[in-house]
């Protein structure tokens, strides 16, 4: 177990990897070869948290964290062309499914908490 995890790692731990894999299987569509949907998800979440405005910022930012990428489930930082191809060819509905699953978890947790 990681005693101290980054905020980014803690956010990723909220995502159910089994549910994510089921969502990927349900889209039945291939994307960039060698660049998984999880890799794309991590890169785009990094983009949102880092307020990146370009593919260069995303890929460069991930490349600076080379030692920590394995903890996020990435083997290497993506290249700009690979990320651009994946963003163009993968359906957005996959990530909507992931969001809805996470929202359901949050709502269930909020319902059990007393105020």
PDB file of N, CA and C in Angstrom:
ATOM      1  N   UNK A   1       0.835  -1.170   0.000  1.00  0.00           N
ATOM      2  CA  UNK A   1       0.000   0.000   0.000  1.00  0.00           C
ATOM      3  C   UNK A   1       0.885   1.240   0.000  1.00  0.00           C
ATOM      4  N   UNK A   2       0.433   2.260  -0.710  1.00  0.00           N
ATOM      5  CA  UNK A   2       1.171   3.505  -0.770  1.00  0.00           C
ATOM      6  C   UNK A   2       0.811   4.327   0.466  1.00  0.00           C
ATOM      7  N   UNK A   3       1.808   4.673   1.256  1.00  0.00           N
ATOM      8  CA  UNK A   3       1.553   5.441   2.481  1.00  0.00           C
ATOM      9  C   UNK A   3       1.127   6.864   2.154  1.00  0.00           C
ATOM     10  N   UNK A   4       1.782   7.482   1.186  1.00  0.00           N
ATOM     11  CA  UNK A   4       1.446   8.840   0.777  1.00  0.00           C
ATOM     12  C   UNK A   4       1.241   8.820  -0.734  1.00  0.00           C
ATOM     13  N   UNK A   5       0.040   9.149  -1.165  1.00  0.00           N
ATOM     14  CA  UNK A   5      -0.258   9.145  -2.590  1.00  0.00           C
ATOM     15  C   UNK A   5      -0.564  10.568  -3.040  1.00  0.00           C
ATOM     16  N   UNK A   6      -0.238  10.856  -4.278  1.00  0.00           N
ATOM     17  CA  UNK A   6      -0.525  12.180  -4.810  1.00  0.00           C
ATOM     18  C   UNK A   6      -2.028  12.376  -4.932  1.00  0.00           C
ATOM     19  N   UNK A   7      -2.451  13.617  -5.030  1.00  0.00           N
ATOM     20  CA  UNK A   7      -3.877  13.912  -5.209  1.00  0.00           C
ATOM     21  C   UNK A   7      -4.388  13.271  -6.490  1.00  0.00           C
ATOM     22  N   UNK A   8      -3.560  13.287  -7.520  1.00  0.00           N
ATOM     23  CA  UNK A   8      -3.938  12.695  -8.800  1.00  0.00           C
ATOM     24  C   UNK A   8      -4.152  11.196  -8.652  1.00  0.00           C
ATOM     25  N   UNK A   9      -3.263  10.541  -7.956  1.00  0.00           N
ATOM     26  CA  UNK A   9      -3.388   9.104  -7.710  1.00  0.00           C
ATOM     27  C   UNK A   9      -4.630   8.794  -6.879  1.00  0.00           C
ATOM     28  N   UNK A  10      -4.922   9.642  -5.904  1.00  0.00           N
ATOM     29  CA  UNK A  10      -6.114   9.446  -5.083  1.00  0.00           C
ATOM     30  C   UNK A  10      -7.383   9.591  -5.913  1.00  0.00           C
ATOM     31  N   UNK A  11      -7.404  10.532  -6.845  1.00  0.00           N
ATOM     32  CA  UNK A  11      -8.559  10.681  -7.726  1.00  0.00           C
ATOM     33  C   UNK A  11      -8.737   9.459  -8.618  1.00  0.00           C
ATOM     34  N   UNK A  12      -7.643   8.959  -9.143  1.00  0.00           N
ATOM     35  CA  UNK A  12      -7.726   7.781 -10.008  1.00  0.00           C
ATOM     36  C   UNK A  12      -8.186   6.545  -9.235  1.00  0.00           C
ATOM     37  N   UNK A  13      -7.884   6.498  -7.945  1.00  0.00           N
ATOM     38  CA  UNK A  13      -8.302   5.342  -7.151  1.00  0.00           C
ATOM     39  C   UNK A  13      -9.815   5.303  -6.963  1.00  0.00           C
ATOM     40  N   UNK A  14     -10.501   6.403  -7.202  1.00  0.00           N
ATOM     41  CA  UNK A  14     -11.956   6.428  -7.104  1.00  0.00           C
ATOM     42  C   UNK A  14     -12.636   5.733  -8.282  1.00  0.00           C
ATOM     43  N   UNK A  15     -11.907   5.581  -9.369  1.00  0.00           N
ATOM     44  CA  UNK A  15     -12.467   4.960 -10.570  1.00  0.00           C
ATOM     45  C   UNK A  15     -12.373   3.448 -10.440  1.00  0.00           C
ATOM     46  N   UNK A  16     -13.494   2.787 -10.581  1.00  0.00           N
ATOM     47  CA  UNK A  16     -13.551   1.327 -10.531  1.00  0.00           C
ATOM     48  C   UNK A  16     -12.980   0.792 -11.842  1.00  0.00           C
ATOM     49  N   UNK A  17     -11.809   0.157 -11.769  1.00  0.00           N
ATOM     50  CA  UNK A  17     -11.147  -0.321 -13.000  1.00  0.00           C
ATOM     51  C   UNK A  17     -11.943  -1.418 -13.693  1.00  0.00           C
ATOM     52  N   UNK A  18     -12.662  -2.240 -12.917  1.00  0.00           N
ATOM     53  CA  UNK A  18     -13.504  -3.278 -13.526  1.00  0.00           C
ATOM     54  C   UNK A  18     -14.641  -2.673 -14.327  1.00  0.00           C
ATOM     55  N   UNK A  19     -15.292  -1.663 -13.762  1.00  0.00           N
ATOM     56  CA  UNK A  19     -16.370  -0.970 -14.470  1.00  0.00           C
ATOM     57  C   UNK A  19     -15.819  -0.241 -15.697  1.00  0.00           C
ATOM     58  N   UNK A  20     -14.617   0.304 -15.565  1.00  0.00           N
ATOM     59  CA  UNK A  20     -13.992   0.985 -16.696  1.00  0.00           C
ATOM     60  C   UNK A  20     -13.730  -0.016 -17.826  1.00  0.00           C
ATOM     61  N   UNK A  21     -13.211  -1.189 -17.473  1.00  0.00           N
ATOM     62  CA  UNK A  21     -12.930  -2.221 -18.486  1.00  0.00           C
ATOM     63  C   UNK A  21     -14.218  -2.688 -19.163  1.00  0.00           C
ATOM     64  N   UNK A  22     -15.310  -2.818 -18.398  1.00  0.00           N
ATOM     65  CA  UNK A  22     -16.597  -3.204 -18.995  1.00  0.00           C
ATOM     66  C   UNK A  22     -17.087  -2.135 -19.967  1.00  0.00           C
ATOM     67  N   UNK A  23     -16.925  -0.880 -19.601  1.00  0.00           N
ATOM     68  CA  UNK A  23     -17.338   0.215 -20.481  1.00  0.00           C
ATOM     69  C   UNK A  23     -16.532   0.189 -21.777  1.00  0.00           C
ATOM     70  N   UNK A  24     -15.254  -0.111 -21.679  1.00  0.00           N
ATOM     71  CA  UNK A  24     -14.402  -0.196 -22.874  1.00  0.00           C
ATOM     72  C   UNK A  24     -14.858  -1.347 -23.768  1.00  0.00           C
ATOM     73  N   UNK A  25     -15.154  -2.496 -23.165  1.00  0.00           N
ATOM     74  CA  UNK A  25     -15.629  -3.638 -23.959  1.00  0.00           C
ATOM     75  C   UNK A  25     -16.957  -3.327 -24.637  1.00  0.00           C
ATOM     76  N   UNK A  26     -17.809  -2.564 -23.988  1.00  0.00           N
ATOM     77  CA  UNK A  26     -19.125  -2.263 -24.538  1.00  0.00           C
ATOM     78  C   UNK A  26     -19.075  -1.328 -25.742  1.00  0.00           C
ATOM     79  N   UNK A  27     -18.026  -0.517 -25.873  1.00  0.00           N
ATOM     80  CA  UNK A  27     -17.965   0.374 -27.029  1.00  0.00           C
ATOM     81  C   UNK A  27     -17.564  -0.383 -28.290  1.00  0.00           C
ATOM     82  N   UNK A  28     -16.879  -1.527 -28.133  1.00  0.00           N
ATOM     83  CA  UNK A  28     -16.510  -2.410 -29.249  1.00  0.00           C
ATOM     84  C   UNK A  28     -15.874  -1.642 -30.401  1.00  0.00           C
ATOM     85  N   UNK A  29     -14.974  -0.786 -30.050  1.00  0.00           N
ATOM     86  CA  UNK A  29     -14.317   0.020 -31.063  1.00  0.00           C
ATOM     87  C   UNK A  29     -12.849   0.151 -30.707  1.00  0.00           C
ATOM     88  N   UNK A  30     -12.007  -0.016 -31.661  1.00  0.00           N
ATOM     89  CA  UNK A  30     -10.574   0.109 -31.435  1.00  0.00           C
ATOM     90  C   UNK A  30     -10.144   1.551 -31.595  1.00  0.00           C
ATOM     91  N   UNK A  31      -9.130   1.914 -30.878  1.00  0.00           N
ATOM     92  CA  UNK A  31      -8.583   3.263 -30.985  1.00  0.00           C
ATOM     93  C   UNK A  31      -7.140   3.186 -31.418  1.00  0.00           C
ATOM     94  N   UNK A  32      -6.332   4.022 -30.862  1.00  0.00           N
ATOM     95  CA  UNK A  32      -4.913   4.057 -31.179  1.00  0.00           C
ATOM     96  C   UNK A  32      -4.252   2.774 -30.683  1.00  0.00           C
ATOM     97  N   UNK A  33      -3.546   2.108 -31.551  1.00  0.00           N
ATOM     98  CA  UNK A  33      -2.885   0.856 -31.197  1.00  0.00           C
ATOM     99  C   UNK A  33      -1.781   1.119 -30.177  1.00  0.00           C
ATOM    100  N   UNK A  34      -1.788   0.348 -29.091  1.00  0.00           N
ATOM    101  CA  UNK A  34      -0.767   0.497 -28.067  1.00  0.00           C
ATOM    102  C   UNK A  34      -1.051   1.616 -27.084  1.00  0.00           C
ATOM    103  N   UNK A  35      -2.173   2.293 -27.235  1.00  0.00           N
ATOM    104  CA  UNK A  35      -2.553   3.387 -26.354  1.00  0.00           C
ATOM    105  C   UNK A  35      -3.963   3.075 -25.858  1.00  0.00           C
ATOM    106  N   UNK A  36      -4.031   2.585 -24.643  1.00  0.00           N
ATOM    107  CA  UNK A  36      -5.316   2.098 -24.129  1.00  0.00           C
ATOM    108  C   UNK A  36      -6.250   3.246 -23.761  1.00  0.00           C
ATOM    109  N   UNK A  37      -7.503   2.900 -23.568  1.00  0.00           N
ATOM    110  CA  UNK A  37      -8.495   3.884 -23.137  1.00  0.00           C
ATOM    111  C   UNK A  37      -8.144   4.423 -21.757  1.00  0.00           C
ATOM    112  N   UNK A  38      -7.567   3.561 -20.903  1.00  0.00           N
ATOM    113  CA  UNK A  38      -7.144   4.026 -19.575  1.00  0.00           C
ATOM    114  C   UNK A  38      -6.044   5.080 -19.701  1.00  0.00           C
ATOM    115  N   UNK A  39      -5.098   4.846 -20.605  1.00  0.00           N
ATOM    116  CA  UNK A  39      -4.022   5.819 -20.830  1.00  0.00           C
ATOM    117  C   UNK A  39      -4.612   7.162 -21.264  1.00  0.00           C
ATOM    118  N   UNK A  40      -5.589   7.111 -22.162  1.00  0.00           N
ATOM    119  CA  UNK A  40      -6.228   8.338 -22.627  1.00  0.00           C
ATOM    120  C   UNK A  40      -6.973   9.021 -21.486  1.00  0.00           C
ATOM    121  N   UNK A  41      -7.663   8.234 -20.671  1.00  0.00           N
ATOM    122  CA  UNK A  41      -8.401   8.787 -19.539  1.00  0.00           C
ATOM    123  C   UNK A  41      -7.455   9.488 -18.567  1.00  0.00           C
ATOM    124  N   UNK A  42      -6.334   8.859 -18.249  1.00  0.00           N
ATOM    125  CA  UNK A  42      -5.358   9.456 -17.332  1.00  0.00           C
ATOM    126  C   UNK A  42      -4.810  10.748 -17.931  1.00  0.00           C
ATOM    127  N   UNK A  43      -4.495  10.726 -19.210  1.00  0.00           N
ATOM    128  CA  UNK A  43      -3.950  11.922 -19.859  1.00  0.00           C
ATOM    129  C   UNK A  43      -4.958  13.068 -19.851  1.00  0.00           C
ATOM    130  N   UNK A  44      -6.218  12.765 -20.123  1.00  0.00           N
ATOM    131  CA  UNK A  44      -7.220  13.824 -20.178  1.00  0.00           C
ATOM    132  C   UNK A  44      -7.594  14.316 -18.779  1.00  0.00           C
ATOM    133  N   UNK A  45      -7.553  13.444 -17.784  1.00  0.00           N
ATOM    134  CA  UNK A  45      -7.784  13.888 -16.411  1.00  0.00           C
ATOM    135  C   UNK A  45      -6.632  14.794 -15.964  1.00  0.00           C
ATOM    136  N   UNK A  46      -5.419  14.426 -16.349  1.00  0.00           N
ATOM    137  CA  UNK A  46      -4.249  15.261 -16.075  1.00  0.00           C
ATOM    138  C   UNK A  46      -4.429  16.632 -16.719  1.00  0.00           C
ATOM    139  N   UNK A  47      -4.971  16.647 -17.930  1.00  0.00           N
ATOM    140  CA  UNK A  47      -5.234  17.894 -18.648  1.00  0.00           C
ATOM    141  C   UNK A  47      -6.200  18.766 -17.858  1.00  0.00           C
ATOM    142  N   UNK A  48      -7.267  18.171 -17.358  1.00  0.00           N
ATOM    143  CA  UNK A  48      -8.261  18.937 -16.608  1.00  0.00           C
ATOM    144  C   UNK A  48      -7.689  19.487 -15.307  1.00  0.00           C
ATOM    145  N   UNK A  49      -6.985  18.645 -14.560  1.00  0.00           N
ATOM    146  CA  UNK A  49      -6.444  19.076 -13.278  1.00  0.00           C
ATOM    147  C   UNK A  49      -5.326  20.092 -13.427  1.00  0.00           C
ATOM    148  N   UNK A  50      -4.560  19.966 -14.480  1.00  0.00           N
ATOM    149  CA  UNK A  50      -3.447  20.882 -14.704  1.00  0.00           C
ATOM    150  C   UNK A  50      -3.816  22.101 -15.521  1.00  0.00           C
ATOM    151  N   UNK A  51      -5.078  22.192 -15.921  1.00  0.00           N
ATOM    152  CA  UNK A  51      -5.562  23.299 -16.752  1.00  0.00           C
ATOM    153  C   UNK A  51      -4.699  23.466 -18.006  1.00  0.00           C
ATOM    154  N   UNK A  52      -4.359  22.342 -18.622  1.00  0.00           N
ATOM    155  CA  UNK A  52      -3.554  22.372 -19.842  1.00  0.00           C
ATOM    156  C   UNK A  52      -4.429  22.819 -21.017  1.00  0.00           C
ATOM    157  N   UNK A  53      -3.831  23.552 -21.924  1.00  0.00           N
ATOM    158  CA  UNK A  53      -4.571  24.090 -23.064  1.00  0.00           C
ATOM    159  C   UNK A  53      -4.158  23.464 -24.393  1.00  0.00           C
ATOM    160  N   UNK A  54      -3.173  22.573 -24.367  1.00  0.00           N
ATOM    161  CA  UNK A  54      -2.722  21.989 -25.626  1.00  0.00           C
ATOM    162  C   UNK A  54      -2.221  20.564 -25.395  1.00  0.00           C
ATOM    163  N   UNK A  55      -2.137  19.827 -26.482  1.00  0.00           N
ATOM    164  CA  UNK A  55      -1.592  18.469 -26.408  1.00  0.00           C
ATOM    165  C   UNK A  55      -0.136  18.505 -25.957  1.00  0.00           C
ATOM    166  N   UNK A  56       0.574  19.534 -26.372  1.00  0.00           N
ATOM    167  CA  UNK A  56       1.982  19.672 -25.980  1.00  0.00           C
ATOM    168  C   UNK A  56       2.109  19.798 -24.461  1.00  0.00           C
ATOM    169  N   UNK A  57       1.228  20.565 -23.842  1.00  0.00           N
ATOM    170  CA  UNK A  57       1.259  20.718 -22.383  1.00  0.00           C
ATOM    171  C   UNK A  57       0.940  19.399 -21.683  1.00  0.00           C
ATOM    172  N   UNK A  58      -0.037  18.673 -22.194  1.00  0.00           N
ATOM    173  CA  UNK A  58      -0.424  17.398 -21.584  1.00  0.00           C
ATOM    174  C   UNK A  58       0.733  16.413 -21.663  1.00  0.00           C
ATOM    175  N   UNK A  59       1.236  16.208 -22.867  1.00  0.00           N
ATOM    176  CA  UNK A  59       2.306  15.220 -23.068  1.00  0.00           C
ATOM    177  C   UNK A  59       3.584  15.628 -22.353  1.00  0.00           C
ATOM    178  N   UNK A  60       3.908  16.909 -22.379  1.00  0.00           N
ATOM    179  CA  UNK A  60       5.101  17.385 -21.681  1.00  0.00           C
ATOM    180  C   UNK A  60       4.973  17.243 -20.181  1.00  0.00           C
ATOM    181  N   UNK A  61       3.796  17.551 -19.653  1.00  0.00           N
ATOM    182  CA  UNK A  61       3.573  17.418 -18.213  1.00  0.00           C
ATOM    183  C   UNK A  61       3.661  15.986 -17.750  1.00  0.00           C
ATOM    184  N   UNK A  62       3.082  15.077 -18.526  1.00  0.00           N
ATOM    185  CA  UNK A  62       3.168  13.655 -18.175  1.00  0.00           C
ATOM    186  C   UNK A  62       4.597  13.144 -18.318  1.00  0.00           C
ATOM    187  N   UNK A  63       5.313  13.651 -19.298  1.00  0.00           N
ATOM    188  CA  UNK A  63       6.696  13.207 -19.510  1.00  0.00           C
ATOM    189  C   UNK A  63       7.600  13.620 -18.349  1.00  0.00           C
ATOM    190  N   UNK A  64       7.280  14.720 -17.682  1.00  0.00           N
ATOM    191  CA  UNK A  64       8.114  15.146 -16.558  1.00  0.00           C
ATOM    192  C   UNK A  64       7.909  14.260 -15.329  1.00  0.00           C
ATOM    193  N   UNK A  65       6.841  13.493 -15.322  1.00  0.00           N
ATOM    194  CA  UNK A  65       6.545  12.607 -14.186  1.00  0.00           C
ATOM    195  C   UNK A  65       6.858  11.159 -14.535  1.00  0.00           C
ATOM    196  N   UNK A  66       7.898  10.935 -15.324  1.00  0.00           N
ATOM    197  CA  UNK A  66       8.197   9.590 -15.827  1.00  0.00           C
ATOM    198  C   UNK A  66       8.299   8.544 -14.720  1.00  0.00           C
ATOM    199  N   UNK A  67       8.889   8.854 -13.599  1.00  0.00           N
ATOM    200  CA  UNK A  67       9.043   7.874 -12.533  1.00  0.00           C
ATOM    201  C   UNK A  67       7.734   7.520 -11.854  1.00  0.00           C
ATOM    202  N   UNK A  68       6.750   8.391 -11.963  1.00  0.00           N
ATOM    203  CA  UNK A  68       5.486   8.192 -11.263  1.00  0.00           C
ATOM    204  C   UNK A  68       4.379   7.675 -12.171  1.00  0.00           C
ATOM    205  N   UNK A  69       4.648   7.552 -13.460  1.00  0.00           N
ATOM    206  CA  UNK A  69       3.603   7.125 -14.381  1.00  0.00           C
ATOM    207  C   UNK A  69       3.113   5.710 -14.114  1.00  0.00           C
ATOM    208  N   UNK A  70       3.992   4.833 -13.682  1.00  0.00           N
ATOM    209  CA  UNK A  70       3.575   3.456 -13.428  1.00  0.00           C
ATOM    210  C   UNK A  70       2.561   3.387 -12.299  1.00  0.00           C
ATOM    211  N   UNK A  71       2.625   4.314 -11.350  1.00  0.00           N
ATOM    212  CA  UNK A  71       1.654   4.345 -10.257  1.00  0.00           C
ATOM    213  C   UNK A  71       0.282   4.792 -10.740  1.00  0.00           C
ATOM    214  N   UNK A  72       0.257   5.459 -11.881  1.00  0.00           N
ATOM    215  CA  UNK A  72      -1.005   5.925 -12.456  1.00  0.00           C
ATOM    216  C   UNK A  72      -1.567   4.942 -13.467  1.00  0.00           C
ATOM    217  N   UNK A  73      -0.834   3.881 -13.744  1.00  0.00           N
ATOM    218  CA  UNK A  73      -1.286   2.882 -14.698  1.00  0.00           C
ATOM    219  C   UNK A  73      -0.788   3.115 -16.110  1.00  0.00           C
ATOM    220  N   UNK A  74       0.168   4.010 -16.291  1.00  0.00           N
ATOM    221  CA  UNK A  74       0.738   4.292 -17.611  1.00  0.00           C
ATOM    222  C   UNK A  74       2.133   3.701 -17.713  1.00  0.00           C
ATOM    223  N   UNK A  75       2.454   3.164 -18.873  1.00  0.00           N
ATOM    224  CA  UNK A  75       3.805   2.655 -19.061  1.00  0.00           C
ATOM    225  C   UNK A  75       4.744   3.765 -19.536  1.00  0.00           C
ATOM    226  N   UNK A  76       4.195   4.714 -20.301  1.00  0.00           N
ATOM    227  CA  UNK A  76       4.991   5.848 -20.779  1.00  0.00           C
ATOM    228  C   UNK A  76       4.055   7.001 -21.116  1.00  0.00           C
ATOM    229  N   UNK A  77       4.618   8.180 -21.207  1.00  0.00           N
ATOM    230  CA  UNK A  77       3.821   9.355 -21.573  1.00  0.00           C
ATOM    231  C   UNK A  77       3.450   9.250 -23.050  1.00  0.00           C
ATOM    232  N   UNK A  78       2.234   9.637 -23.399  1.00  0.00           N
ATOM    233  CA  UNK A  78       1.831   9.549 -24.813  1.00  0.00           C
ATOM    234  C   UNK A  78       2.486  10.639 -25.652  1.00  0.00           C
ATOM    235  N   UNK A  79       2.581  10.383 -26.934  1.00  0.00           N
ATOM    236  CA  UNK A  79       3.042  11.417 -27.860  1.00  0.00           C
ATOM    237  C   UNK A  79       1.829  12.249 -28.276  1.00  0.00           C
ATOM    238  N   UNK A  80       2.090  13.426 -28.806  1.00  0.00           N
ATOM    239  CA  UNK A  80       0.988  14.300 -29.206  1.00  0.00           C
ATOM    240  C   UNK A  80       0.134  13.660 -30.293  1.00  0.00           C
ATOM    241  N   UNK A  81       0.771  13.031 -31.264  1.00  0.00           N
ATOM    242  CA  UNK A  81       0.012  12.442 -32.368  1.00  0.00           C
ATOM    243  C   UNK A  81      -0.862  11.287 -31.894  1.00  0.00           C
ATOM    244  N   UNK A  82      -0.367  10.478 -30.974  1.00  0.00           N
ATOM    245  CA  UNK A  82      -1.144   9.356 -30.452  1.00  0.00           C
ATOM    246  C   UNK A  82      -2.343   9.861 -29.662  1.00  0.00           C
ATOM    247  N   UNK A  83      -2.138  10.854 -28.831  1.00  0.00           N
ATOM    248  CA  UNK A  83      -3.231  11.413 -28.040  1.00  0.00           C
ATOM    249  C   UNK A  83      -4.255  12.093 -28.943  1.00  0.00           C
ATOM    250  N   UNK A  84      -3.804  12.799 -29.952  1.00  0.00           N
ATOM    251  CA  UNK A  84      -4.720  13.452 -30.893  1.00  0.00           C
ATOM    252  C   UNK A  84      -5.556  12.421 -31.639  1.00  0.00           C
ATOM    253  N   UNK A  85      -4.920  11.330 -32.076  1.00  0.00           N
ATOM    254  CA  UNK A  85      -5.638  10.281 -32.789  1.00  0.00           C
ATOM    255  C   UNK A  85      -6.693   9.644 -31.891  1.00  0.00           C
ATOM    256  N   UNK A  86      -6.318   9.349 -30.657  1.00  0.00           N
ATOM    257  CA  UNK A  86      -7.260   8.735 -29.720  1.00  0.00           C
ATOM    258  C   UNK A  86      -8.418   9.675 -29.430  1.00  0.00           C
ATOM    259  N   UNK A  87      -8.150  10.959 -29.236  1.00  0.00           N
ATOM    260  CA  UNK A  87      -9.208  11.922 -28.957  1.00  0.00           C
ATOM    261  C   UNK A  87     -10.167  12.056 -30.140  1.00  0.00           C
ATOM    262  N   UNK A  88      -9.657  11.893 -31.335  1.00  0.00           N
ATOM    263  CA  UNK A  88     -10.486  12.006 -32.533  1.00  0.00           C
ATOM    264  C   UNK A  88     -11.323  10.763 -32.777  1.00  0.00           C
ATOM    265  N   UNK A  89     -10.755   9.579 -32.529  1.00  0.00           N
ATOM    266  CA  UNK A  89     -11.405   8.342 -32.943  1.00  0.00           C
ATOM    267  C   UNK A  89     -12.129   7.569 -31.842  1.00  0.00           C
ATOM    268  N   UNK A  90     -11.909   7.895 -30.612  1.00  0.00           N
ATOM    269  CA  UNK A  90     -12.611   7.175 -29.538  1.00  0.00           C
ATOM    270  C   UNK A  90     -13.894   7.919 -29.193  1.00  0.00           C
ATOM    271  N   UNK A  91     -14.965   7.166 -28.989  1.00  0.00           N
ATOM    272  CA  UNK A  91     -16.244   7.816 -28.691  1.00  0.00           C
ATOM    273  C   UNK A  91     -16.277   8.407 -27.282  1.00  0.00           C
ATOM    274  N   UNK A  92     -16.857   9.565 -27.172  1.00  0.00           N
ATOM    275  CA  UNK A  92     -16.960  10.249 -25.881  1.00  0.00           C
ATOM    276  C   UNK A  92     -17.905   9.522 -24.933  1.00  0.00           C
ATOM    277  N   UNK A  93     -18.783   8.676 -25.464  1.00  0.00           N
ATOM    278  CA  UNK A  93     -19.753   7.968 -24.628  1.00  0.00           C
ATOM    279  C   UNK A  93     -19.076   7.073 -23.602  1.00  0.00           C
ATOM    280  N   UNK A  94     -17.872   6.594 -23.889  1.00  0.00           N
ATOM    281  CA  UNK A  94     -17.119   5.782 -22.930  1.00  0.00           C
ATOM    282  C   UNK A  94     -16.900   6.562 -21.644  1.00  0.00           C
ATOM    283  N   UNK A  95     -16.474   7.788 -21.772  1.00  0.00           N
ATOM    284  CA  UNK A  95     -16.157   8.596 -20.602  1.00  0.00           C
ATOM    285  C   UNK A  95     -17.423   9.111 -19.911  1.00  0.00           C
ATOM    286  N   UNK A  96     -18.512   9.219 -20.670  1.00  0.00           N
ATOM    287  CA  UNK A  96     -19.800   9.537 -20.050  1.00  0.00           C
ATOM    288  C   UNK A  96     -20.231   8.385 -19.149  1.00  0.00           C
ATOM    289  N   UNK A  97     -20.025   7.162 -19.596  1.00  0.00           N
ATOM    290  CA  UNK A  97     -20.342   5.980 -18.794  1.00  0.00           C
ATOM    291  C   UNK A  97     -19.522   5.954 -17.513  1.00  0.00           C
ATOM    292  N   UNK A  98     -18.245   6.268 -17.620  1.00  0.00           N
ATOM    293  CA  UNK A  98     -17.363   6.304 -16.448  1.00  0.00           C
ATOM    294  C   UNK A  98     -17.856   7.372 -15.464  1.00  0.00           C
ATOM    295  N   UNK A  99     -18.221   8.539 -15.987  1.00  0.00           N
ATOM    296  CA  UNK A  99     -18.722   9.606 -15.130  1.00  0.00           C
ATOM    297  C   UNK A  99     -20.011   9.185 -14.423  1.00  0.00           C
ATOM    298  N   UNK A 100     -20.937   8.579 -15.164  1.00  0.00           N
ATOM    299  CA  UNK A 100     -22.202   8.174 -14.568  1.00  0.00           C
ATOM    300  C   UNK A 100     -22.000   7.126 -13.481  1.00  0.00           C
ATOM    301  N   UNK A 101     -21.046   6.226 -13.680  1.00  0.00           N
ATOM    302  CA  UNK A 101     -20.732   5.220 -12.663  1.00  0.00           C
ATOM    303  C   UNK A 101     -20.189   5.890 -11.399  1.00  0.00           C
ATOM    304  N   UNK A 102     -19.277   6.830 -11.573  1.00  0.00           N
ATOM    305  CA  UNK A 102     -18.706   7.541 -10.430  1.00  0.00           C
ATOM    306  C   UNK A 102     -19.766   8.398  -9.733  1.00  0.00           C
ATOM    307  N   UNK A 103     -20.641   9.025 -10.497  1.00  0.00           N
ATOM    308  CA  UNK A 103     -21.722   9.817  -9.917  1.00  0.00           C
ATOM    309  C   UNK A 103     -22.647   8.937  -9.085  1.00  0.00           C
ATOM    310  N   UNK A 104     -22.941   7.737  -9.591  1.00  0.00           N
ATOM    311  CA  UNK A 104     -23.774   6.806  -8.836  1.00  0.00           C
ATOM    312  C   UNK A 104     -23.138   6.409  -7.518  1.00  0.00           C
ATOM    313  N   UNK A 105     -21.818   6.183  -7.536  1.00  0.00           N
ATOM    314  CA  UNK A 105     -21.100   5.857  -6.302  1.00  0.00           C
ATOM    315  C   UNK A 105     -21.181   7.012  -5.308  1.00  0.00           C
ATOM    316  N   UNK A 106     -21.014   8.225  -5.791  1.00  0.00           N
ATOM    317  CA  UNK A 106     -21.056   9.402  -4.914  1.00  0.00           C
ATOM    318  C   UNK A 106     -22.458   9.610  -4.333  1.00  0.00           C
ATOM    319  N   UNK A 107     -23.471   9.415  -5.166  1.00  0.00           N
ATOM    320  CA  UNK A 107     -24.835   9.584  -4.676  1.00  0.00           C
ATOM    321  C   UNK A 107     -25.183   8.533  -3.630  1.00  0.00           C
ATOM    322  N   UNK A 108     -24.739   7.306  -3.850  1.00  0.00           N
ATOM    323  CA  UNK A 108     -25.001   6.235  -2.868  1.00  0.00           C
ATOM    324  C   UNK A 108     -24.290   6.538  -1.563  1.00  0.00           C
ATOM    325  N   UNK A 109     -23.074   7.025  -1.628  1.00  0.00           N
ATOM    326  CA  UNK A 109     -22.320   7.382  -0.436  1.00  0.00           C
ATOM    327  C   UNK A 109     -22.982   8.558   0.289  1.00  0.00           C
ATOM    328  N   UNK A 110     -23.431   9.546  -0.449  1.00  0.00           N
ATOM    329  CA  UNK A 110     -24.079  10.716   0.155  1.00  0.00           C
ATOM    330  C   UNK A 110     -25.407  10.329   0.821  1.00  0.00           C
ATOM    331  N   UNK A 111     -26.098   9.358   0.262  1.00  0.00           N
ATOM    332  CA  UNK A 111     -27.376   8.935   0.828  1.00  0.00           C
ATOM    333  C   UNK A 111     -27.212   8.216   2.159  1.00  0.00           C
ATOM    334  N   UNK A 112     -26.063   7.577   2.349  1.00  0.00           N
ATOM    335  CA  UNK A 112     -25.834   6.837   3.598  1.00  0.00           C
ATOM    336  C   UNK A 112     -25.297   7.723   4.720  1.00  0.00           C
ATOM    337  N   UNK A 113     -24.805   8.890   4.364  1.00  0.00           N
ATOM    338  CA  UNK A 113     -24.250   9.808   5.376  1.00  0.00           C
ATOM    339  C   UNK A 113     -25.370  10.591   6.040  1.00  0.00           C
ATOM    340  N   UNK A 114     -25.299  10.698   7.350  1.00  0.00           N
ATOM    341  CA  UNK A 114     -26.284  11.521   8.042  1.00  0.00           C
ATOM    342  C   UNK A 114     -25.806  12.959   8.079  1.00  0.00           C
ATOM    343  N   UNK A 115     -26.732  13.860   8.115  1.00  0.00           N
ATOM    344  CA  UNK A 115     -26.347  15.272   8.099  1.00  0.00           C
ATOM    345  C   UNK A 115     -26.348  15.816   9.447  1.00  0.00           C
TER     346      UNK A 115
END
